[in-house]
Amino acid sequence: MRMLFVVKPTRGPDWDTSKPLQEQDGWPEHAAFMNRLAAAGFVVLGGPVSEDGQVMLIVDAADEDEIRSKLAGDPWRQSGLLESDSIERWTILLDAADPDASLS
C-alpha cells in the first residue's frame, strides 16, 4: 500500500530572503537532485505553495526515516539553505484517478 507524506522544508540560516527560489545559491544542483527523486517516484509532487516561496512536497516513502535519509543528500541542506522538515502522514480519502477511493 502506498504511503504518502506531506513534507514542508524549513529555510536554513543561509537562505537569502532577498532572492526568489530559483535564484538561491546552488539552484541547478538542488533542482537536479529533486528531479532525480521525482524520476525515482519518491517525490510525487512538489513546489511553492505561497507567495513567500514556502515549498511543499508529497513523497511516497515507507516512513519518516526514509524521508530524512533521502533528503539529507540535497545540496541545499548540505549548504545550510534548508534544514529541518515538517513531515506528516497523508491519508487519501478522495482520489479522482481511483473511483473506488471515495467517502462513504
PDB file of N, CA and C in Angstrom:
ATOM      1  N   MET A   1       0.819  -1.182   0.000  1.00  0.00           N
ATOM      2  CA  MET A   1       0.000   0.000   0.000  1.00  0.00           C
ATOM      3  C   MET A   1       0.866   1.250   0.000  1.00  0.00           C
ATOM      4  N   ARG A   2       0.510   2.187  -0.837  1.00  0.00           N
ATOM      5  CA  ARG A   2       1.259   3.427  -0.973  1.00  0.00           C
ATOM      6  C   ARG A   2       1.098   4.284   0.280  1.00  0.00           C
ATOM      7  N   MET A   3       2.228   4.783   0.797  1.00  0.00           N
ATOM      8  CA  MET A   3       2.206   5.692   1.947  1.00  0.00           C
ATOM      9  C   MET A   3       2.712   7.046   1.487  1.00  0.00           C
ATOM     10  N   LEU A   4       1.848   8.027   1.554  1.00  0.00           N
ATOM     11  CA  LEU A   4       2.219   9.376   1.158  1.00  0.00           C
ATOM     12  C   LEU A   4       2.398  10.258   2.384  1.00  0.00           C
ATOM     13  N   PHE A   5       3.333  11.171   2.263  1.00  0.00           N
ATOM     14  CA  PHE A   5       3.617  12.122   3.330  1.00  0.00           C
ATOM     15  C   PHE A   5       3.660  13.530   2.746  1.00  0.00           C
ATOM     16  N   VAL A   6       3.236  14.494   3.557  1.00  0.00           N
ATOM     17  CA  VAL A   6       3.373  15.906   3.221  1.00  0.00           C
ATOM     18  C   VAL A   6       4.631  16.393   3.934  1.00  0.00           C
ATOM     19  N   VAL A   7       5.548  16.947   3.160  1.00  0.00           N
ATOM     20  CA  VAL A   7       6.821  17.416   3.703  1.00  0.00           C
ATOM     21  C   VAL A   7       6.941  18.907   3.413  1.00  0.00           C
ATOM     22  N   LYS A   8       7.195  19.681   4.468  1.00  0.00           N
ATOM     23  CA  LYS A   8       7.396  21.125   4.317  1.00  0.00           C
ATOM     24  C   LYS A   8       8.780  21.476   4.855  1.00  0.00           C
ATOM     25  N   PRO A   9       9.719  21.724   3.948  1.00  0.00           N
ATOM     26  CA  PRO A   9      11.070  22.086   4.377  1.00  0.00           C
ATOM     27  C   PRO A   9      11.097  23.455   5.059  1.00  0.00           C
ATOM     28  N   THR A  10      12.027  23.605   5.982  1.00  0.00           N
ATOM     29  CA  THR A  10      12.248  24.871   6.681  1.00  0.00           C
ATOM     30  C   THR A  10      13.514  25.518   6.132  1.00  0.00           C
ATOM     31  N   ARG A  11      13.430  26.800   5.875  1.00  0.00           N
ATOM     32  CA  ARG A  11      14.617  27.520   5.379  1.00  0.00           C
ATOM     33  C   ARG A  11      15.692  27.575   6.450  1.00  0.00           C
ATOM     34  N   GLY A  12      16.912  27.416   5.985  1.00  0.00           N
ATOM     35  CA  GLY A  12      18.051  27.452   6.888  1.00  0.00           C
ATOM     36  C   GLY A  12      18.638  28.842   7.013  1.00  0.00           C
ATOM     37  N   PRO A  13      19.705  28.970   7.798  1.00  0.00           N
ATOM     38  CA  PRO A  13      20.313  30.281   8.055  1.00  0.00           C
ATOM     39  C   PRO A  13      20.954  30.918   6.824  1.00  0.00           C
ATOM     40  N   ASP A  14      21.266  30.131   5.806  1.00  0.00           N
ATOM     41  CA  ASP A  14      21.916  30.689   4.625  1.00  0.00           C
ATOM     42  C   ASP A  14      20.931  31.062   3.512  1.00  0.00           C
ATOM     43  N   TRP A  15      19.621  30.922   3.776  1.00  0.00           N
ATOM     44  CA  TRP A  15      18.614  31.308   2.792  1.00  0.00           C
ATOM     45  C   TRP A  15      18.641  32.823   2.638  1.00  0.00           C
ATOM     46  N   ASP A  16      18.721  33.320   1.413  1.00  0.00           N
ATOM     47  CA  ASP A  16      18.737  34.755   1.125  1.00  0.00           C
ATOM     48  C   ASP A  16      17.312  35.209   0.826  1.00  0.00           C
ATOM     49  N   THR A  17      16.688  35.861   1.795  1.00  0.00           N
ATOM     50  CA  THR A  17      15.294  36.278   1.642  1.00  0.00           C
ATOM     51  C   THR A  17      15.091  37.336   0.560  1.00  0.00           C
ATOM     52  N   SER A  18      16.168  37.932   0.079  1.00  0.00           N
ATOM     53  CA  SER A  18      16.044  38.938  -0.979  1.00  0.00           C
ATOM     54  C   SER A  18      15.972  38.312  -2.370  1.00  0.00           C
ATOM     55  N   LYS A  19      16.174  36.980  -2.442  1.00  0.00           N
ATOM     56  CA  LYS A  19      16.176  36.287  -3.736  1.00  0.00           C
ATOM     57  C   LYS A  19      15.010  35.311  -3.837  1.00  0.00           C
ATOM     58  N   PRO A  20      14.429  35.175  -5.039  1.00  0.00           N
ATOM     59  CA  PRO A  20      13.405  34.140  -5.217  1.00  0.00           C
ATOM     60  C   PRO A  20      14.036  32.742  -5.218  1.00  0.00           C
ATOM     61  N   LEU A  21      13.187  31.752  -5.146  1.00  0.00           N
ATOM     62  CA  LEU A  21      13.592  30.344  -5.075  1.00  0.00           C
ATOM     63  C   LEU A  21      14.666  29.979  -6.098  1.00  0.00           C
ATOM     64  N   GLN A  22      14.396  30.280  -7.365  1.00  0.00           N
ATOM     65  CA  GLN A  22      15.292  29.858  -8.448  1.00  0.00           C
ATOM     66  C   GLN A  22      16.593  30.660  -8.520  1.00  0.00           C
ATOM     67  N   GLU A  23      16.717  31.704  -7.700  1.00  0.00           N
ATOM     68  CA  GLU A  23      17.957  32.489  -7.693  1.00  0.00           C
ATOM     69  C   GLU A  23      18.818  32.232  -6.456  1.00  0.00           C
ATOM     70  N   GLN A  24      18.395  31.287  -5.616  1.00  0.00           N
ATOM     71  CA  GLN A  24      19.210  30.939  -4.458  1.00  0.00           C
ATOM     72  C   GLN A  24      20.491  30.257  -4.932  1.00  0.00           C
ATOM     73  N   ASP A  25      21.558  30.402  -4.158  1.00  0.00           N
ATOM     74  CA  ASP A  25      22.824  29.741  -4.497  1.00  0.00           C
ATOM     75  C   ASP A  25      22.604  28.243  -4.633  1.00  0.00           C
ATOM     76  N   GLY A  26      23.198  27.638  -5.638  1.00  0.00           N
ATOM     77  CA  GLY A  26      23.132  26.199  -5.827  1.00  0.00           C
ATOM     78  C   GLY A  26      21.819  25.687  -6.398  1.00  0.00           C
ATOM     79  N   TRP A  27      21.010  26.584  -6.987  1.00  0.00           N
ATOM     80  CA  TRP A  27      19.731  26.152  -7.554  1.00  0.00           C
ATOM     81  C   TRP A  27      19.890  25.006  -8.560  1.00  0.00           C
ATOM     82  N   PRO A  28      20.819  25.071  -9.530  1.00  0.00           N
ATOM     83  CA  PRO A  28      20.909  23.981 -10.514  1.00  0.00           C
ATOM     84  C   PRO A  28      21.171  22.621  -9.865  1.00  0.00           C
ATOM     85  N   GLU A  29      22.026  22.590  -8.849  1.00  0.00           N
ATOM     86  CA  GLU A  29      22.344  21.333  -8.172  1.00  0.00           C
ATOM     87  C   GLU A  29      21.138  20.822  -7.373  1.00  0.00           C
ATOM     88  N   HIS A  30      20.457  21.729  -6.682  1.00  0.00           N
ATOM     89  CA  HIS A  30      19.263  21.361  -5.927  1.00  0.00           C
ATOM     90  C   HIS A  30      18.180  20.841  -6.868  1.00  0.00           C
ATOM     91  N   ALA A  31      17.952  21.561  -7.968  1.00  0.00           N
ATOM     92  CA  ALA A  31      16.913  21.157  -8.930  1.00  0.00           C
ATOM     93  C   ALA A  31      17.227  19.779  -9.519  1.00  0.00           C
ATOM     94  N   ALA A  32      18.479  19.531  -9.848  1.00  0.00           N
ATOM     95  CA  ALA A  32      18.866  18.225 -10.402  1.00  0.00           C
ATOM     96  C   ALA A  32      18.624  17.118  -9.376  1.00  0.00           C
ATOM     97  N   PHE A  33      18.965  17.373  -8.121  1.00  0.00           N
ATOM     98  CA  PHE A  33      18.749  16.392  -7.057  1.00  0.00           C
ATOM     99  C   PHE A  33      17.263  16.082  -6.909  1.00  0.00           C
ATOM    100  N   MET A  34      16.438  17.122  -6.849  1.00  0.00           N
ATOM    101  CA  MET A  34      14.994  16.924  -6.680  1.00  0.00           C
ATOM    102  C   MET A  34      14.387  16.231  -7.904  1.00  0.00           C
ATOM    103  N   ASN A  35      14.866  16.573  -9.087  1.00  0.00           N
ATOM    104  CA  ASN A  35      14.378  15.908 -10.309  1.00  0.00           C
ATOM    105  C   ASN A  35      14.691  14.411 -10.284  1.00  0.00           C
ATOM    106  N   ARG A  36      15.849  14.044  -9.735  1.00  0.00           N
ATOM    107  CA  ARG A  36      16.191  12.615  -9.622  1.00  0.00           C
ATOM    108  C   ARG A  36      15.231  11.905  -8.657  1.00  0.00           C
ATOM    109  N   LEU A  37      14.887  12.572  -7.549  1.00  0.00           N
ATOM    110  CA  LEU A  37      13.944  11.972  -6.600  1.00  0.00           C
ATOM    111  C   LEU A  37      12.561  11.813  -7.224  1.00  0.00           C
ATOM    112  N   ALA A  38      12.166  12.783  -8.047  1.00  0.00           N
ATOM    113  CA  ALA A  38      10.867  12.683  -8.738  1.00  0.00           C
ATOM    114  C   ALA A  38      10.900  11.566  -9.781  1.00  0.00           C
ATOM    115  N   ALA A  39      11.991  11.464 -10.527  1.00  0.00           N
ATOM    116  CA  ALA A  39      12.100  10.419 -11.554  1.00  0.00           C
ATOM    117  C   ALA A  39      12.061   9.024 -10.926  1.00  0.00           C
ATOM    118  N   ALA A  40      12.557   8.913  -9.696  1.00  0.00           N
ATOM    119  CA  ALA A  40      12.557   7.634  -8.993  1.00  0.00           C
ATOM    120  C   ALA A  40      11.203   7.330  -8.341  1.00  0.00           C
ATOM    121  N   GLY A  41      10.282   8.290  -8.381  1.00  0.00           N
ATOM    122  CA  GLY A  41       8.960   8.088  -7.793  1.00  0.00           C
ATOM    123  C   GLY A  41       8.873   8.424  -6.323  1.00  0.00           C
ATOM    124  N   PHE A  42       9.963   8.900  -5.743  1.00  0.00           N
ATOM    125  CA  PHE A  42       9.963   9.271  -4.322  1.00  0.00           C
ATOM    126  C   PHE A  42       9.190  10.571  -4.110  1.00  0.00           C
ATOM    127  N   VAL A  43       9.514  11.603  -4.876  1.00  0.00           N
ATOM    128  CA  VAL A  43       8.743  12.844  -4.842  1.00  0.00           C
ATOM    129  C   VAL A  43       7.625  12.702  -5.864  1.00  0.00           C
ATOM    130  N   VAL A  44       6.397  12.760  -5.380  1.00  0.00           N
ATOM    131  CA  VAL A  44       5.232  12.617  -6.245  1.00  0.00           C
ATOM    132  C   VAL A  44       4.824  13.977  -6.802  1.00  0.00           C
ATOM    133  N   LEU A  45       4.821  14.984  -5.952  1.00  0.00           N
ATOM    134  CA  LEU A  45       4.508  16.366  -6.320  1.00  0.00           C
ATOM    135  C   LEU A  45       5.374  17.281  -5.479  1.00  0.00           C
ATOM    136  N   GLY A  46       5.655  18.460  -5.998  1.00  0.00           N
ATOM    137  CA  GLY A  46       6.408  19.419  -5.205  1.00  0.00           C
ATOM    138  C   GLY A  46       6.389  20.793  -5.827  1.00  0.00           C
ATOM    139  N   GLY A  47       6.468  21.806  -4.976  1.00  0.00           N
ATOM    140  CA  GLY A  47       6.539  23.170  -5.468  1.00  0.00           C
ATOM    141  C   GLY A  47       6.097  24.170  -4.417  1.00  0.00           C
ATOM    142  N   PRO A  48       6.246  25.456  -4.756  1.00  0.00           N
ATOM    143  CA  PRO A  48       5.858  26.518  -3.829  1.00  0.00           C
ATOM    144  C   PRO A  48       4.343  26.528  -3.603  1.00  0.00           C
ATOM    145  N   VAL A  49       3.945  26.867  -2.375  1.00  0.00           N
ATOM    146  CA  VAL A  49       2.528  26.936  -2.031  1.00  0.00           C
ATOM    147  C   VAL A  49       2.113  28.310  -1.520  1.00  0.00           C
ATOM    148  N   SER A  50       3.035  29.258  -1.549  1.00  0.00           N
ATOM    149  CA  SER A  50       2.699  30.595  -1.083  1.00  0.00           C
ATOM    150  C   SER A  50       3.559  31.624  -1.802  1.00  0.00           C
ATOM    151  N   GLU A  51       3.153  32.865  -1.672  1.00  0.00           N
ATOM    152  CA  GLU A  51       3.880  33.974  -2.309  1.00  0.00           C
ATOM    153  C   GLU A  51       5.312  34.090  -1.795  1.00  0.00           C
ATOM    154  N   ASP A  52       5.530  33.697  -0.539  1.00  0.00           N
ATOM    155  CA  ASP A  52       6.874  33.837   0.028  1.00  0.00           C
ATOM    156  C   ASP A  52       7.795  32.675  -0.327  1.00  0.00           C
ATOM    157  N   GLY A  53       7.303  31.741  -1.148  1.00  0.00           N
ATOM    158  CA  GLY A  53       8.153  30.652  -1.623  1.00  0.00           C
ATOM    159  C   GLY A  53       8.167  29.423  -0.741  1.00  0.00           C
ATOM    160  N   GLN A  54       7.316  29.362   0.294  1.00  0.00           N
ATOM    161  CA  GLN A  54       7.236  28.137   1.103  1.00  0.00           C
ATOM    162  C   GLN A  54       6.933  26.971   0.175  1.00  0.00           C
ATOM    163  N   VAL A  55       7.626  25.871   0.365  1.00  0.00           N
ATOM    164  CA  VAL A  55       7.506  24.715  -0.526  1.00  0.00           C
ATOM    165  C   VAL A  55       6.843  23.548   0.202  1.00  0.00           C
ATOM    166  N   MET A  56       6.101  22.760  -0.564  1.00  0.00           N
ATOM    167  CA  MET A  56       5.505  21.540  -0.042  1.00  0.00           C
ATOM    168  C   MET A  56       5.839  20.407  -0.998  1.00  0.00           C
ATOM    169  N   LEU A  57       6.198  19.269  -0.436  1.00  0.00           N
ATOM    170  CA  LEU A  57       6.451  18.060  -1.208  1.00  0.00           C
ATOM    171  C   LEU A  57       5.456  16.992  -0.791  1.00  0.00           C
ATOM    172  N   ILE A  58       5.008  16.208  -1.748  1.00  0.00           N
ATOM    173  CA  ILE A  58       4.278  14.984  -1.458  1.00  0.00           C
ATOM    174  C   ILE A  58       5.230  13.859  -1.822  1.00  0.00           C
ATOM    175  N   VAL A  59       5.562  13.028  -0.840  1.00  0.00           N
ATOM    176  CA  VAL A  59       6.524  11.959  -1.088  1.00  0.00           C
ATOM    177  C   VAL A  59       5.904  10.597  -0.787  1.00  0.00           C
ATOM    178  N   ASP A  60       6.380   9.612  -1.510  1.00  0.00           N
ATOM    179  CA  ASP A  60       5.962   8.226  -1.351  1.00  0.00           C
ATOM    180  C   ASP A  60       7.116   7.507  -0.663  1.00  0.00           C
ATOM    181  N   ALA A  61       6.935   7.191   0.620  1.00  0.00           N
ATOM    182  CA  ALA A  61       8.026   6.610   1.400  1.00  0.00           C
ATOM    183  C   ALA A  61       7.485   5.618   2.413  1.00  0.00           C
ATOM    184  N   ALA A  62       8.369   4.788   2.925  1.00  0.00           N
ATOM    185  CA  ALA A  62       7.983   3.802   3.935  1.00  0.00           C
ATOM    186  C   ALA A  62       7.736   4.456   5.283  1.00  0.00           C
ATOM    187  N   ASP A  63       8.560   5.470   5.611  1.00  0.00           N
ATOM    188  CA  ASP A  63       8.449   6.115   6.916  1.00  0.00           C
ATOM    189  C   ASP A  63       9.247   7.411   6.926  1.00  0.00           C
ATOM    190  N   GLU A  64       9.204   8.113   8.054  1.00  0.00           N
ATOM    191  CA  GLU A  64       9.915   9.386   8.187  1.00  0.00           C
ATOM    192  C   GLU A  64      11.424   9.218   8.072  1.00  0.00           C
ATOM    193  N   ASP A  65      11.943   8.105   8.559  1.00  0.00           N
ATOM    194  CA  ASP A  65      13.393   7.873   8.480  1.00  0.00           C
ATOM    195  C   ASP A  65      13.860   7.838   7.028  1.00  0.00           C
ATOM    196  N   GLU A  66      13.092   7.178   6.164  1.00  0.00           N
ATOM    197  CA  GLU A  66      13.457   7.140   4.750  1.00  0.00           C
ATOM    198  C   GLU A  66      13.443   8.543   4.156  1.00  0.00           C
ATOM    199  N   ILE A  67      12.458   9.333   4.524  1.00  0.00           N
ATOM    200  CA  ILE A  67      12.357  10.705   4.005  1.00  0.00           C
ATOM    201  C   ILE A  67      13.578  11.509   4.431  1.00  0.00           C
ATOM    202  N   ARG A  68      13.880  11.485   5.719  1.00  0.00           N
ATOM    203  CA  ARG A  68      15.019  12.262   6.226  1.00  0.00           C
ATOM    204  C   ARG A  68      16.335  11.793   5.590  1.00  0.00           C
ATOM    205  N   SER A  69      16.476  10.491   5.418  1.00  0.00           N
ATOM    206  CA  SER A  69      17.694   9.943   4.828  1.00  0.00           C
ATOM    207  C   SER A  69      17.877  10.404   3.388  1.00  0.00           C
ATOM    208  N   LYS A  70      16.819  10.307   2.596  1.00  0.00           N
ATOM    209  CA  LYS A  70      16.933  10.700   1.188  1.00  0.00           C
ATOM    210  C   LYS A  70      17.123  12.202   1.034  1.00  0.00           C
ATOM    211  N   LEU A  71      16.394  12.995   1.811  1.00  0.00           N
ATOM    212  CA  LEU A  71      16.509  14.443   1.674  1.00  0.00           C
ATOM    213  C   LEU A  71      17.832  14.984   2.205  1.00  0.00           C
ATOM    214  N   ALA A  72      18.517  14.216   3.029  1.00  0.00           N
ATOM    215  CA  ALA A  72      19.818  14.650   3.566  1.00  0.00           C
ATOM    216  C   ALA A  72      20.843  14.865   2.459  1.00  0.00           C
ATOM    217  N   GLY A  73      20.671  14.214   1.315  1.00  0.00           N
ATOM    218  CA  GLY A  73      21.604  14.372   0.205  1.00  0.00           C
ATOM    219  C   GLY A  73      21.388  15.623  -0.625  1.00  0.00           C
ATOM    220  N   ASP A  74      20.370  16.398  -0.297  1.00  0.00           N
ATOM    221  CA  ASP A  74      20.073  17.627  -1.045  1.00  0.00           C
ATOM    222  C   ASP A  74      21.200  18.641  -0.845  1.00  0.00           C
ATOM    223  N   PRO A  75      21.785  19.146  -1.928  1.00  0.00           N
ATOM    224  CA  PRO A  75      22.842  20.153  -1.799  1.00  0.00           C
ATOM    225  C   PRO A  75      22.423  21.381  -0.987  1.00  0.00           C
ATOM    226  N   TRP A  76      21.164  21.755  -1.048  1.00  0.00           N
ATOM    227  CA  TRP A  76      20.703  22.901  -0.253  1.00  0.00           C
ATOM    228  C   TRP A  76      20.739  22.600   1.238  1.00  0.00           C
ATOM    229  N   ARG A  77      20.510  21.372   1.634  1.00  0.00           N
ATOM    230  CA  ARG A  77      20.591  21.010   3.049  1.00  0.00           C
ATOM    231  C   ARG A  77      22.047  21.008   3.501  1.00  0.00           C
ATOM    232  N   GLN A  78      22.903  20.531   2.639  1.00  0.00           N
ATOM    233  CA  GLN A  78      24.321  20.453   2.973  1.00  0.00           C
ATOM    234  C   GLN A  78      24.961  21.834   3.054  1.00  0.00           C
ATOM    235  N   SER A  79      24.387  22.816   2.351  1.00  0.00           N
ATOM    236  CA  SER A  79      24.962  24.161   2.361  1.00  0.00           C
ATOM    237  C   SER A  79      24.260  25.118   3.327  1.00  0.00           C
ATOM    238  N   GLY A  80      23.233  24.657   4.029  1.00  0.00           N
ATOM    239  CA  GLY A  80      22.566  25.500   5.015  1.00  0.00           C
ATOM    240  C   GLY A  80      21.383  26.302   4.496  1.00  0.00           C
ATOM    241  N   LEU A  81      20.973  26.062   3.243  1.00  0.00           N
ATOM    242  CA  LEU A  81      19.798  26.773   2.721  1.00  0.00           C
ATOM    243  C   LEU A  81      18.495  26.173   3.249  1.00  0.00           C
ATOM    244  N   LEU A  82      18.493  24.878   3.502  1.00  0.00           N
ATOM    245  CA  LEU A  82      17.335  24.204   4.090  1.00  0.00           C
ATOM    246  C   LEU A  82      17.801  23.427   5.305  1.00  0.00           C
ATOM    247  N   GLU A  83      16.869  23.240   6.248  1.00  0.00           N
ATOM    248  CA  GLU A  83      17.211  22.401   7.395  1.00  0.00           C
ATOM    249  C   GLU A  83      16.072  21.466   7.711  1.00  0.00           C
ATOM    250  N   SER A  84      15.503  21.511   8.860  1.00  0.00           N
ATOM    251  CA  SER A  84      14.515  20.511   9.258  1.00  0.00           C
ATOM    252  C   SER A  84      13.245  20.561   8.414  1.00  0.00           C
ATOM    253  N   ASP A  85      12.433  19.516   8.556  1.00  0.00           N
ATOM    254  CA  ASP A  85      11.192  19.399   7.805  1.00  0.00           C
ATOM    255  C   ASP A  85      10.035  19.131   8.747  1.00  0.00           C
ATOM    256  N   SER A  86       8.878  19.631   8.359  1.00  0.00           N
ATOM    257  CA  SER A  86       7.631  19.174   8.954  1.00  0.00           C
ATOM    258  C   SER A  86       7.201  17.993   8.092  1.00  0.00           C
ATOM    259  N   ILE A  87       6.977  16.846   8.706  1.00  0.00           N
ATOM    260  CA  ILE A  87       6.596  15.637   7.965  1.00  0.00           C
ATOM    261  C   ILE A  87       5.317  15.082   8.581  1.00  0.00           C
ATOM    262  N   GLU A  88       4.298  14.917   7.751  1.00  0.00           N
ATOM    263  CA  GLU A  88       3.030  14.376   8.224  1.00  0.00           C
ATOM    264  C   GLU A  88       2.538  13.299   7.272  1.00  0.00           C
ATOM    265  N   ARG A  89       2.045  12.212   7.827  1.00  0.00           N
ATOM    266  CA  ARG A  89       1.432  11.149   7.023  1.00  0.00           C
ATOM    267  C   ARG A  89       0.139  11.691   6.443  1.00  0.00           C
ATOM    268  N   TRP A  90      -0.133  11.390   5.176  1.00  0.00           N
ATOM    269  CA  TRP A  90      -1.320  11.895   4.489  1.00  0.00           C
ATOM    270  C   TRP A  90      -2.208  10.717   4.129  1.00  0.00           C
ATOM    271  N   THR A  91      -3.397  10.677   4.684  1.00  0.00           N
ATOM    272  CA  THR A  91      -4.367   9.644   4.369  1.00  0.00           C
ATOM    273  C   THR A  91      -5.265  10.159   3.253  1.00  0.00           C
ATOM    274  N   ILE A  92      -5.222   9.511   2.119  1.00  0.00           N
ATOM    275  CA  ILE A  92      -6.008   9.926   0.963  1.00  0.00           C
ATOM    276  C   ILE A  92      -7.414   9.319   1.076  1.00  0.00           C
ATOM    277  N   LEU A  93      -8.421  10.187   1.108  1.00  0.00           N
ATOM    278  CA  LEU A  93      -9.807   9.728   1.132  1.00  0.00           C
ATOM    279  C   LEU A  93     -10.513   9.957  -0.196  1.00  0.00           C
ATOM    280  N   LEU A  94     -10.016  10.896  -0.972  1.00  0.00           N
ATOM    281  CA  LEU A  94     -10.584  11.192  -2.282  1.00  0.00           C
ATOM    282  C   LEU A  94      -9.477  11.170  -3.318  1.00  0.00           C
ATOM    283  N   ASP A  95      -9.735  10.477  -4.431  1.00  0.00           N
ATOM    284  CA  ASP A  95      -8.743  10.370  -5.493  1.00  0.00           C
ATOM    285  C   ASP A  95      -9.487  10.260  -6.820  1.00  0.00           C
ATOM    286  N   ALA A  96      -9.420  11.292  -7.642  1.00  0.00           N
ATOM    287  CA  ALA A  96     -10.110  11.302  -8.921  1.00  0.00           C
ATOM    288  C   ALA A  96      -9.617  10.191  -9.841  1.00  0.00           C
ATOM    289  N   ALA A  97      -8.370   9.777  -9.674  1.00  0.00           N
ATOM    290  CA  ALA A  97      -7.813   8.720 -10.518  1.00  0.00           C
ATOM    291  C   ALA A  97      -8.261   7.335 -10.054  1.00  0.00           C
ATOM    292  N   ASP A  98      -8.837   7.244  -8.854  1.00  0.00           N
ATOM    293  CA  ASP A  98      -9.281   5.962  -8.308  1.00  0.00           C
ATOM    294  C   ASP A  98     -10.727   6.104  -7.831  1.00  0.00           C
ATOM    295  N   PRO A  99     -11.689   5.785  -8.714  1.00  0.00           N
ATOM    296  CA  PRO A  99     -13.105   5.972  -8.345  1.00  0.00           C
ATOM    297  C   PRO A  99     -13.546   5.144  -7.155  1.00  0.00           C
ATOM    298  N   ASP A 100     -12.800   4.104  -6.794  1.00  0.00           N
ATOM    299  CA  ASP A 100     -13.168   3.300  -5.624  1.00  0.00           C
ATOM    300  C   ASP A 100     -12.779   3.977  -4.311  1.00  0.00           C
ATOM    301  N   ALA A 101     -11.896   4.980  -4.410  1.00  0.00           N
ATOM    302  CA  ALA A 101     -11.495   5.723  -3.206  1.00  0.00           C
ATOM    303  C   ALA A 101     -12.429   6.914  -3.060  1.00  0.00           C
ATOM    304  N   SER A 102     -13.427   6.757  -2.236  1.00  0.00           N
ATOM    305  CA  SER A 102     -14.374   7.853  -2.024  1.00  0.00           C
ATOM    306  C   SER A 102     -14.901   7.812  -0.609  1.00  0.00           C
ATOM    307  N   LEU A 103     -15.415   8.914  -0.175  1.00  0.00           N
ATOM    308  CA  LEU A 103     -16.008   8.981   1.163  1.00  0.00           C
ATOM    309  C   LEU A 103     -17.307   8.196   1.171  1.00  0.00           C
ATOM    310  N   SER A 104     -17.477   7.358   2.142  1.00  0.00           N
ATOM    311  CA  SER A 104     -18.737   6.624   2.231  1.00  0.00           C
ATOM    312  C   SER A 104     -19.160   6.449   3.668  1.00  0.00           C
TER     313      SER A 104
END
